[in-house]
């Protein structure tokens, strides 16, 4: 199944209307960098997507393996915009850390193995972990440009 999303600039701060499938949300940037802080920025959306993917992968795995989830949450942090910290020479994609909070009918050893399997089935984990082919398409004339991975 192909997944589609689009974004349209709303001409106020950095507000962008995002459409993902039949869902719509507004993203923006913080006031400190000229946004209106109406919604999450693109990096926050990426981190939320990663956390959601890890969490839903764990839920799916728990259902398949009859693991009783009492509590499950995922925290993700990393990826800063250089302008937010006033440094020009950093790589904004330097490091992502993620952690699980899991209470289930598993021993500590089983829990770590379970979380590793959940991580390995996360689609967003795989996209972040491995280069993805990107192609820029000019909608005016159909010209394409392959972007280096």
Protein backbone atom coordinates (compact mmCIF):
# COMPACT_ATOMS: atom_id res chain seq x y z
CA UNK A 1 0.00 0.00 0.00
CA UNK A 2 1.33 3.40 -0.94
CA UNK A 3 1.33 6.02 1.80
CA UNK A 4 0.80 9.65 0.85
CA UNK A 5 1.29 12.93 2.65
CA UNK A 6 1.37 16.57 1.61
CA UNK A 7 2.21 19.92 3.16
CA UNK A 8 1.01 23.42 2.26
CA UNK A 9 2.49 26.67 3.62
CA UNK A 10 -0.18 28.79 5.36
CA UNK A 11 1.71 32.15 5.14
CA UNK A 12 1.90 32.74 8.89
CA UNK A 13 5.19 32.11 10.70
CA UNK A 14 6.22 28.63 9.60
CA UNK A 15 2.69 27.20 9.76
CA UNK A 16 2.16 24.29 7.40
CA UNK A 17 -0.99 22.26 6.90
CA UNK A 18 -0.04 18.60 6.77
CA UNK A 19 -2.29 16.01 5.18
CA UNK A 20 -1.50 12.37 5.85
CA UNK A 21 -4.09 10.03 4.42
CA UNK A 22 -7.41 11.49 5.57
CA UNK A 23 -5.86 13.24 8.61
CA UNK A 24 -4.94 16.93 8.77
CA UNK A 25 -2.75 18.71 11.29
CA UNK A 26 -0.83 21.95 11.54
CA UNK A 27 2.92 22.07 12.10
CA UNK A 28 5.00 25.13 12.90
CA UNK A 29 8.25 26.17 14.53
CA UNK A 30 8.94 27.71 17.90
CA UNK A 31 8.48 31.47 18.40
CA UNK A 32 12.22 31.84 19.05
CA UNK A 33 12.95 31.11 15.39
CA UNK A 34 10.03 32.99 13.83
CA UNK A 35 7.22 30.48 14.13
CA UNK A 36 3.94 30.80 16.00
CA UNK A 37 4.38 27.51 17.93
CA UNK A 38 0.88 26.43 16.88
CA UNK A 39 1.96 22.83 16.37
CA UNK A 40 4.94 20.51 16.40
CA UNK A 41 7.79 21.20 13.98
CA UNK A 42 9.02 18.68 11.42
CA UNK A 43 11.69 17.21 13.70
CA UNK A 44 9.17 16.76 16.51
CA UNK A 45 6.83 15.05 14.04
CA UNK A 46 9.66 12.75 12.97
CA UNK A 47 10.46 11.87 16.59
CA UNK A 48 6.75 11.31 17.29
CA UNK A 49 6.51 9.09 14.21
CA UNK A 50 9.47 7.05 15.43
CA UNK A 51 8.03 6.71 18.96
CA UNK A 52 4.63 5.75 17.53
CA UNK A 53 6.15 3.15 15.22
CA UNK A 54 8.16 1.57 18.04
CA UNK A 55 5.13 1.53 20.34
CA UNK A 56 2.73 0.06 17.77
CA UNK A 57 5.33 -2.55 16.78
CA UNK A 58 5.54 -3.63 20.42
CA UNK A 59 1.74 -3.81 20.67
CA UNK A 60 1.54 -5.89 17.49
CA UNK A 61 4.26 -8.22 18.72
CA UNK A 62 2.59 -8.56 22.13
CA UNK A 63 -0.66 -9.61 20.45
CA UNK A 64 1.16 -12.22 18.34
CA UNK A 65 3.12 -13.61 21.31
CA UNK A 66 0.34 -13.39 23.94
CA UNK A 67 2.33 -10.94 26.03
CA UNK A 68 0.16 -9.10 28.52
CA UNK A 69 1.08 -5.40 28.38
CA UNK A 70 0.32 -3.67 31.66
CA UNK A 71 2.18 -0.47 30.72
CA UNK A 72 3.96 0.57 27.54
CA UNK A 73 5.42 3.89 26.50
CA UNK A 74 8.29 4.96 24.28
CA UNK A 75 10.42 8.10 24.60
CA UNK A 76 12.57 9.46 21.78
CA UNK A 77 14.99 12.37 21.84
CA UNK A 78 17.52 13.83 19.48
CA UNK A 79 17.81 15.79 16.24
CA UNK A 80 18.08 19.52 16.89
CA UNK A 81 17.88 22.40 14.48
CA UNK A 82 21.18 24.31 14.54
CA UNK A 83 19.35 27.65 14.74
CA UNK A 84 17.60 26.56 17.96
CA UNK A 85 20.93 26.24 19.74
CA UNK A 86 22.69 29.05 17.86
CA UNK A 87 25.40 26.85 16.30
CA UNK A 88 26.05 26.59 12.58
CA UNK A 89 28.58 23.79 12.51
CA UNK A 90 26.66 20.85 14.00
CA UNK A 91 25.13 17.94 12.18
CA UNK A 92 21.45 18.05 13.15
CA UNK A 93 21.19 14.31 12.52
CA UNK A 94 23.85 13.37 15.03
CA UNK A 95 22.07 11.02 17.41
CA UNK A 96 18.67 9.64 18.33
CA UNK A 97 18.09 7.95 21.68
CA UNK A 98 14.98 5.96 22.45
CA UNK A 99 13.77 4.10 25.49
CA UNK A 100 10.85 1.89 26.40
CA UNK A 101 8.90 1.79 29.63
CA UNK A 102 7.40 -1.69 29.72
CA UNK A 103 5.55 -3.61 32.38
CA UNK A 104 4.51 -7.02 31.13
CA UNK A 105 4.45 -10.68 32.08
CA UNK A 106 8.11 -11.06 31.07
CA UNK A 107 11.37 -11.47 32.94
CA UNK A 108 13.99 -8.73 32.49
CA UNK A 109 15.88 -10.90 30.00
CA UNK A 110 12.68 -11.70 28.07
CA UNK A 111 11.71 -8.02 28.16
CA UNK A 112 14.96 -6.93 26.44
CA UNK A 113 14.60 -9.62 23.77
CA UNK A 114 10.96 -8.58 23.24
CA UNK A 115 11.90 -4.90 22.88
CA UNK A 116 14.66 -5.77 20.40
CA UNK A 117 12.16 -7.73 18.28
CA UNK A 118 9.72 -4.81 18.48
CA UNK A 119 12.45 -2.40 17.37
CA UNK A 120 13.34 -4.66 14.44
CA UNK A 121 9.73 -4.67 13.17
CA UNK A 122 9.35 -0.88 13.33
CA UNK A 123 9.12 0.53 9.80
CA UNK A 124 10.30 3.98 10.89
CA UNK A 125 13.29 2.40 12.64
CA UNK A 126 14.29 0.78 9.34
CA UNK A 127 13.83 4.01 7.38
CA UNK A 128 16.02 5.90 9.84
CA UNK A 129 18.57 3.10 10.05
CA UNK A 130 19.03 2.53 6.31
CA UNK A 131 19.34 4.99 3.44
CA UNK A 132 16.09 5.47 1.58
CA UNK A 133 15.91 6.26 -2.13
CA UNK A 134 14.60 9.80 -2.58
CA UNK A 135 13.51 11.27 -5.92
CA UNK A 136 12.65 14.93 -6.47
CA UNK A 137 9.89 15.33 -9.08
CA UNK A 138 9.13 18.65 -10.80
CA UNK A 139 5.32 18.69 -10.99
CA UNK A 140 5.40 21.23 -13.83
CA UNK A 141 7.18 19.05 -16.37
CA UNK A 142 7.73 15.64 -14.75
CA UNK A 143 11.54 15.99 -14.61
CA UNK A 144 13.10 13.93 -11.85
CA UNK A 145 16.28 14.21 -9.83
CA UNK A 146 17.58 11.31 -7.74
CA UNK A 147 18.85 12.60 -4.41
CA UNK A 148 21.95 10.97 -2.92
CA UNK A 149 21.30 8.74 0.07
